[in-house]
């Protein structure tokens, strides 16, 4: 009985560590997916804003276009 209690505590602690590690990995994966979706939405938003500006103001004249 004297050795069983510390062994059980170690097994429970190891199980808890493994559980929390798995939760952390899942959270990191979800965060990466959310960041990717946010970036995609930000890009689409930028494109839609450009389309709106072109629709309301018309095309940009050649004299104002940026030359490469």
PDB file of N, CA and C in Angstrom:
ATOM      1  N   UNK A   1       0.829  -1.196   0.000  1.00  0.00           N
ATOM      2  CA  UNK A   1       0.000   0.000   0.000  1.00  0.00           C
ATOM      3  C   UNK A   1       0.868   1.251   0.000  1.00  0.00           C
ATOM      4  N   UNK A   2       2.033   1.146   0.639  1.00  0.00           N
ATOM      5  CA  UNK A   2       2.905   2.299   0.762  1.00  0.00           C
ATOM      6  C   UNK A   2       3.448   2.740  -0.600  1.00  0.00           C
ATOM      7  N   UNK A   3       3.680   1.786  -1.525  1.00  0.00           N
ATOM      8  CA  UNK A   3       4.231   2.113  -2.835  1.00  0.00           C
ATOM      9  C   UNK A   3       3.145   2.312  -3.884  1.00  0.00           C
ATOM     10  N   UNK A   4       1.935   1.853  -3.608  1.00  0.00           N
ATOM     11  CA  UNK A   4       0.851   1.942  -4.578  1.00  0.00           C
ATOM     12  C   UNK A   4       0.352   3.374  -4.726  1.00  0.00           C
ATOM     13  N   UNK A   5       0.248   4.096  -3.653  1.00  0.00           N
ATOM     14  CA  UNK A   5      -0.274   5.463  -3.697  1.00  0.00           C
ATOM     15  C   UNK A   5       0.600   6.394  -4.539  1.00  0.00           C
ATOM     16  N   UNK A   6       1.917   6.444  -4.351  1.00  0.00           N
ATOM     17  CA  UNK A   6       2.742   7.301  -5.215  1.00  0.00           C
ATOM     18  C   UNK A   6       2.711   6.852  -6.683  1.00  0.00           C
ATOM     19  N   UNK A   7       2.657   5.550  -6.912  1.00  0.00           N
ATOM     20  CA  UNK A   7       2.589   5.041  -8.280  1.00  0.00           C
ATOM     21  C   UNK A   7       1.282   5.463  -8.946  1.00  0.00           C
ATOM     22  N   UNK A   8       0.179   5.372  -8.224  1.00  0.00           N
ATOM     23  CA  UNK A   8      -1.111   5.805  -8.765  1.00  0.00           C
ATOM     24  C   UNK A   8      -1.100   7.308  -9.045  1.00  0.00           C
ATOM     25  N   UNK A   9      -0.495   8.083  -8.169  1.00  0.00           N
ATOM     26  CA  UNK A   9      -0.413   9.522  -8.370  1.00  0.00           C
ATOM     27  C   UNK A   9       0.419   9.848  -9.612  1.00  0.00           C
ATOM     28  N   UNK A  10       1.501   9.127  -9.815  1.00  0.00           N
ATOM     29  CA  UNK A  10       2.336   9.339 -11.000  1.00  0.00           C
ATOM     30  C   UNK A  10       1.585   8.966 -12.279  1.00  0.00           C
ATOM     31  N   UNK A  11       0.840   7.885 -12.254  1.00  0.00           N
ATOM     32  CA  UNK A  11       0.069   7.466 -13.428  1.00  0.00           C
ATOM     33  C   UNK A  11      -1.016   8.491 -13.746  1.00  0.00           C
ATOM     34  N   UNK A  12      -1.688   8.988 -12.713  1.00  0.00           N
ATOM     35  CA  UNK A  12      -2.720  10.007 -12.921  1.00  0.00           C
ATOM     36  C   UNK A  12      -2.091  11.293 -13.475  1.00  0.00           C
ATOM     37  N   UNK A  13      -0.946  11.675 -12.923  1.00  0.00           N
ATOM     38  CA  UNK A  13      -0.260  12.879 -13.403  1.00  0.00           C
ATOM     39  C   UNK A  13       0.167  12.709 -14.863  1.00  0.00           C
ATOM     40  N   UNK A  14       0.687  11.552 -15.216  1.00  0.00           N
ATOM     41  CA  UNK A  14       1.096  11.303 -16.595  1.00  0.00           C
ATOM     42  C   UNK A  14      -0.110  11.345 -17.534  1.00  0.00           C
ATOM     43  N   UNK A  15      -1.203  10.750 -17.105  1.00  0.00           N
ATOM     44  CA  UNK A  15      -2.421  10.796 -17.910  1.00  0.00           C
ATOM     45  C   UNK A  15      -2.910  12.216 -18.106  1.00  0.00           C
ATOM     46  N   UNK A  16      -2.863  13.011 -17.069  1.00  0.00           N
ATOM     47  CA  UNK A  16      -3.283  14.407 -17.163  1.00  0.00           C
ATOM     48  C   UNK A  16      -2.370  15.201 -18.092  1.00  0.00           C
ATOM     49  N   UNK A  17      -1.077  14.957 -18.009  1.00  0.00           N
ATOM     50  CA  UNK A  17      -0.129  15.641 -18.891  1.00  0.00           C
ATOM     51  C   UNK A  17      -0.409  15.280 -20.345  1.00  0.00           C
ATOM     52  N   UNK A  18      -0.620  14.003 -20.628  1.00  0.00           N
ATOM     53  CA  UNK A  18      -0.913  13.569 -21.997  1.00  0.00           C
ATOM     54  C   UNK A  18      -2.231  14.161 -22.499  1.00  0.00           C
ATOM     55  N   UNK A  19      -3.238  14.214 -21.639  1.00  0.00           N
ATOM     56  CA  UNK A  19      -4.526  14.796 -22.007  1.00  0.00           C
ATOM     57  C   UNK A  19      -4.377  16.280 -22.338  1.00  0.00           C
ATOM     58  N   UNK A  20      -3.681  17.005 -21.487  1.00  0.00           N
ATOM     59  CA  UNK A  20      -3.501  18.439 -21.715  1.00  0.00           C
ATOM     60  C   UNK A  20      -2.640  18.704 -22.948  1.00  0.00           C
ATOM     61  N   UNK A  21      -1.660  17.851 -23.207  1.00  0.00           N
ATOM     62  CA  UNK A  21      -0.834  17.997 -24.405  1.00  0.00           C
ATOM     63  C   UNK A  21      -1.685  17.817 -25.655  1.00  0.00           C
ATOM     64  N   UNK A  22      -2.565  16.824 -25.649  1.00  0.00           N
ATOM     65  CA  UNK A  22      -3.443  16.594 -26.795  1.00  0.00           C
ATOM     66  C   UNK A  22      -4.389  17.776 -27.001  1.00  0.00           C
ATOM     67  N   UNK A  23      -4.933  18.307 -25.925  1.00  0.00           N
ATOM     68  CA  UNK A  23      -5.809  19.484 -26.033  1.00  0.00           C
ATOM     69  C   UNK A  23      -5.058  20.684 -26.594  1.00  0.00           C
ATOM     70  N   UNK A  24      -3.809  20.863 -26.177  1.00  0.00           N
ATOM     71  CA  UNK A  24      -2.986  21.961 -26.673  1.00  0.00           C
ATOM     72  C   UNK A  24      -2.737  21.811 -28.166  1.00  0.00           C
ATOM     73  N   UNK A  25      -2.415  20.607 -28.628  1.00  0.00           N
ATOM     74  CA  UNK A  25      -2.180  20.366 -30.058  1.00  0.00           C
ATOM     75  C   UNK A  25      -3.451  20.653 -30.860  1.00  0.00           C
ATOM     76  N   UNK A  26      -4.598  20.214 -30.365  1.00  0.00           N
ATOM     77  CA  UNK A  26      -5.860  20.475 -31.058  1.00  0.00           C
ATOM     78  C   UNK A  26      -6.154  21.976 -31.125  1.00  0.00           C
ATOM     79  N   UNK A  27      -5.862  22.675 -30.050  1.00  0.00           N
ATOM     80  CA  UNK A  27      -6.093  24.118 -30.014  1.00  0.00           C
ATOM     81  C   UNK A  27      -5.164  24.840 -30.982  1.00  0.00           C
ATOM     82  N   UNK A  28      -3.902  24.408 -31.046  1.00  0.00           N
ATOM     83  CA  UNK A  28      -2.962  25.013 -31.986  1.00  0.00           C
ATOM     84  C   UNK A  28      -3.416  24.794 -33.428  1.00  0.00           C
ATOM     85  N   UNK A  29      -3.898  23.603 -33.746  1.00  0.00           N
ATOM     86  CA  UNK A  29      -4.390  23.316 -35.090  1.00  0.00           C
ATOM     87  C   UNK A  29      -5.598  24.181 -35.420  1.00  0.00           C
ATOM     88  N   UNK A  30      -6.512  24.309 -34.480  1.00  0.00           N
ATOM     89  CA  UNK A  30      -7.697  25.149 -34.695  1.00  0.00           C
ATOM     90  C   UNK A  30      -7.294  26.610 -34.875  1.00  0.00           C
ATOM     91  N   UNK A  31      -6.307  27.062 -34.130  1.00  0.00           N
ATOM     92  CA  UNK A  31      -5.835  28.441 -34.255  1.00  0.00           C
ATOM     93  C   UNK A  31      -5.216  28.679 -35.633  1.00  0.00           C
ATOM     94  N   UNK A  32      -4.440  27.727 -36.124  1.00  0.00           N
ATOM     95  CA  UNK A  32      -3.853  27.863 -37.460  1.00  0.00           C
ATOM     96  C   UNK A  32      -4.939  27.937 -38.530  1.00  0.00           C
ATOM     97  N   UNK A  33      -5.955  27.113 -38.413  1.00  0.00           N
ATOM     98  CA  UNK A  33      -7.060  27.137 -39.378  1.00  0.00           C
ATOM     99  C   UNK A  33      -7.811  28.462 -39.308  1.00  0.00           C
ATOM    100  N   UNK A  34      -8.040  28.959 -38.103  1.00  0.00           N
ATOM    101  CA  UNK A  34      -8.735  30.239 -37.944  1.00  0.00           C
ATOM    102  C   UNK A  34      -7.912  31.376 -38.536  1.00  0.00           C
ATOM    103  N   UNK A  35      -6.602  31.340 -38.352  1.00  0.00           N
ATOM    104  CA  UNK A  35      -5.737  32.371 -38.911  1.00  0.00           C
ATOM    105  C   UNK A  35      -5.774  32.333 -40.433  1.00  0.00           C
ATOM    106  N   UNK A  36      -5.767  31.137 -41.008  1.00  0.00           N
ATOM    107  CA  UNK A  36      -5.831  30.995 -42.462  1.00  0.00           C
ATOM    108  C   UNK A  36      -7.160  31.530 -42.996  1.00  0.00           C
ATOM    109  N   UNK A  37      -8.249  31.195 -42.327  1.00  0.00           N
ATOM    110  CA  UNK A  37      -9.559  31.709 -42.748  1.00  0.00           C
ATOM    111  C   UNK A  37      -9.622  33.221 -42.634  1.00  0.00           C
ATOM    112  N   UNK A  38      -9.055  33.759 -41.578  1.00  0.00           N
ATOM    113  CA  UNK A  38      -9.037  35.214 -41.399  1.00  0.00           C
ATOM    114  C   UNK A  38      -8.267  35.879 -42.530  1.00  0.00           C
ATOM    115  N   UNK A  39      -7.104  35.326 -42.878  1.00  0.00           N
ATOM    116  CA  UNK A  39      -6.315  35.891 -43.968  1.00  0.00           C
ATOM    117  C   UNK A  39      -7.063  35.810 -45.289  1.00  0.00           C
ATOM    118  N   UNK A  40      -7.752  34.693 -45.527  1.00  0.00           N
ATOM    119  CA  UNK A  40      -8.540  34.553 -46.754  1.00  0.00           C
ATOM    120  C   UNK A  40      -9.666  35.586 -46.790  1.00  0.00           C
ATOM    121  N   UNK A  41     -10.343  35.761 -45.687  1.00  0.00           N
ATOM    122  CA  UNK A  41     -11.432  36.743 -45.621  1.00  0.00           C
ATOM    123  C   UNK A  41     -10.900  38.160 -45.807  1.00  0.00           C
ATOM    124  N   UNK A  42      -9.747  38.442 -45.243  1.00  0.00           N
ATOM    125  CA  UNK A  42      -9.145  39.762 -45.375  1.00  0.00           C
ATOM    126  C   UNK A  42      -8.806  40.048 -46.846  1.00  0.00           C
ATOM    127  N   UNK A  43      -8.296  39.041 -47.543  1.00  0.00           N
ATOM    128  CA  UNK A  43      -7.964  39.213 -48.958  1.00  0.00           C
ATOM    129  C   UNK A  43      -9.222  39.432 -49.797  1.00  0.00           C
ATOM    130  N   UNK A  44     -10.268  38.651 -49.538  1.00  0.00           N
ATOM    131  CA  UNK A  44     -11.523  38.813 -50.272  1.00  0.00           C
ATOM    132  C   UNK A  44     -12.119  40.195 -49.987  1.00  0.00           C
ATOM    133  N   UNK A  45     -12.057  40.626 -48.745  1.00  0.00           N
ATOM    134  CA  UNK A  45     -12.565  41.939 -48.379  1.00  0.00           C
ATOM    135  C   UNK A  45     -11.826  43.039 -49.146  1.00  0.00           C
ATOM    136  N   UNK A  46     -10.516  42.912 -49.247  1.00  0.00           N
ATOM    137  CA  UNK A  46      -9.722  43.890 -49.991  1.00  0.00           C
ATOM    138  C   UNK A  46     -10.134  43.910 -51.459  1.00  0.00           C
ATOM    139  N   UNK A  47     -10.329  42.732 -52.036  1.00  0.00           N
ATOM    140  CA  UNK A  47     -10.735  42.657 -53.444  1.00  0.00           C
ATOM    141  C   UNK A  47     -12.119  43.275 -53.647  1.00  0.00           C
ATOM    142  N   UNK A  48     -13.028  43.008 -52.736  1.00  0.00           N
ATOM    143  CA  UNK A  48     -14.370  43.580 -52.856  1.00  0.00           C
ATOM    144  C   UNK A  48     -14.350  45.096 -52.701  1.00  0.00           C
ATOM    145  N   UNK A  49     -13.516  45.596 -51.814  1.00  0.00           N
ATOM    146  CA  UNK A  49     -13.394  47.046 -51.663  1.00  0.00           C
ATOM    147  C   UNK A  49     -12.860  47.678 -52.940  1.00  0.00           C
ATOM    148  N   UNK A  50     -11.891  47.022 -53.572  1.00  0.00           N
ATOM    149  CA  UNK A  50     -11.361  47.540 -54.838  1.00  0.00           C
ATOM    150  C   UNK A  50     -12.436  47.540 -55.912  1.00  0.00           C
ATOM    151  N   UNK A  51     -13.235  46.490 -55.974  1.00  0.00           N
ATOM    152  CA  UNK A  51     -14.316  46.439 -56.964  1.00  0.00           C
ATOM    153  C   UNK A  51     -15.342  47.539 -56.709  1.00  0.00           C
ATOM    154  N   UNK A  52     -15.641  47.781 -55.439  1.00  0.00           N
ATOM    155  CA  UNK A  52     -16.593  48.828 -55.094  1.00  0.00           C
ATOM    156  C   UNK A  52     -16.063  50.199 -55.493  1.00  0.00           C
ATOM    157  N   UNK A  53     -14.795  50.441 -55.247  1.00  0.00           N
ATOM    158  CA  UNK A  53     -14.195  51.725 -55.617  1.00  0.00           C
ATOM    159  C   UNK A  53     -14.236  51.895 -57.132  1.00  0.00           C
ATOM    160  N   UNK A  54     -13.919  50.852 -57.856  1.00  0.00           N
ATOM    161  CA  UNK A  54     -13.947  50.946 -59.322  1.00  0.00           C
ATOM    162  C   UNK A  54     -15.367  51.169 -59.831  1.00  0.00           C
ATOM    163  N   UNK A  55     -16.347  50.548 -59.179  1.00  0.00           N
ATOM    164  CA  UNK A  55     -17.738  50.708 -59.622  1.00  0.00           C
ATOM    165  C   UNK A  55     -18.257  52.110 -59.329  1.00  0.00           C
ATOM    166  N   UNK A  56     -17.814  52.704 -58.232  1.00  0.00           N
ATOM    167  CA  UNK A  56     -18.324  54.028 -57.866  1.00  0.00           C
ATOM    168  C   UNK A  56     -17.522  55.155 -58.515  1.00  0.00           C
ATOM    169  N   UNK A  57     -16.233  54.959 -58.712  1.00  0.00           N
ATOM    170  CA  UNK A  57     -15.380  56.021 -59.257  1.00  0.00           C
ATOM    171  C   UNK A  57     -15.017  55.797 -60.715  1.00  0.00           C
ATOM    172  N   UNK A  58     -15.217  54.601 -61.192  1.00  0.00           N
ATOM    173  CA  UNK A  58     -14.802  54.291 -62.553  1.00  0.00           C
ATOM    174  C   UNK A  58     -13.365  53.798 -62.560  1.00  0.00           C
ATOM    175  N   UNK A  59     -12.869  53.410 -63.723  1.00  0.00           N
ATOM    176  CA  UNK A  59     -11.500  52.893 -63.796  1.00  0.00           C
ATOM    177  C   UNK A  59     -10.469  53.991 -63.526  1.00  0.00           C
ATOM    178  N   UNK A  60      -9.298  53.573 -63.111  1.00  0.00           N
ATOM    179  CA  UNK A  60      -8.217  54.511 -62.823  1.00  0.00           C
ATOM    180  C   UNK A  60      -7.620  54.971 -64.157  1.00  0.00           C
ATOM    181  N   UNK A  61      -7.472  56.290 -64.355  1.00  0.00           N
ATOM    182  CA  UNK A  61      -6.874  56.782 -65.596  1.00  0.00           C
ATOM    183  C   UNK A  61      -5.422  56.330 -65.718  1.00  0.00           C
ATOM    184  N   UNK A  62      -4.945  56.243 -66.953  1.00  0.00           N
ATOM    185  CA  UNK A  62      -3.563  55.803 -67.186  1.00  0.00           C
ATOM    186  C   UNK A  62      -2.557  56.704 -66.506  1.00  0.00           C
ATOM    187  N   UNK A  63      -2.856  57.976 -66.391  1.00  0.00           N
ATOM    188  CA  UNK A  63      -1.915  58.924 -65.789  1.00  0.00           C
ATOM    189  C   UNK A  63      -1.732  58.698 -64.287  1.00  0.00           C
ATOM    190  N   UNK A  64      -2.698  58.012 -63.656  1.00  0.00           N
ATOM    191  CA  UNK A  64      -2.610  57.770 -62.204  1.00  0.00           C
ATOM    192  C   UNK A  64      -2.169  56.351 -61.863  1.00  0.00           C
ATOM    193  N   UNK A  65      -2.052  55.492 -62.851  1.00  0.00           N
ATOM    194  CA  UNK A  65      -1.664  54.103 -62.580  1.00  0.00           C
ATOM    195  C   UNK A  65      -0.208  54.034 -62.191  1.00  0.00           C
ATOM    196  N   UNK A  66       0.097  53.087 -61.302  1.00  0.00           N
ATOM    197  CA  UNK A  66       1.481  52.876 -60.890  1.00  0.00           C
ATOM    198  C   UNK A  66       2.184  52.092 -61.970  1.00  0.00           C
ATOM    199  N   UNK A  67       3.330  52.585 -62.376  1.00  0.00           N
ATOM    200  CA  UNK A  67       4.092  51.907 -63.434  1.00  0.00           C
ATOM    201  C   UNK A  67       5.163  51.047 -62.794  1.00  0.00           C
ATOM    202  N   UNK A  68       5.351  49.848 -63.330  1.00  0.00           N
ATOM    203  CA  UNK A  68       6.367  48.924 -62.797  1.00  0.00           C
ATOM    204  C   UNK A  68       7.721  49.171 -63.417  1.00  0.00           C
TER     205      UNK A  68
END
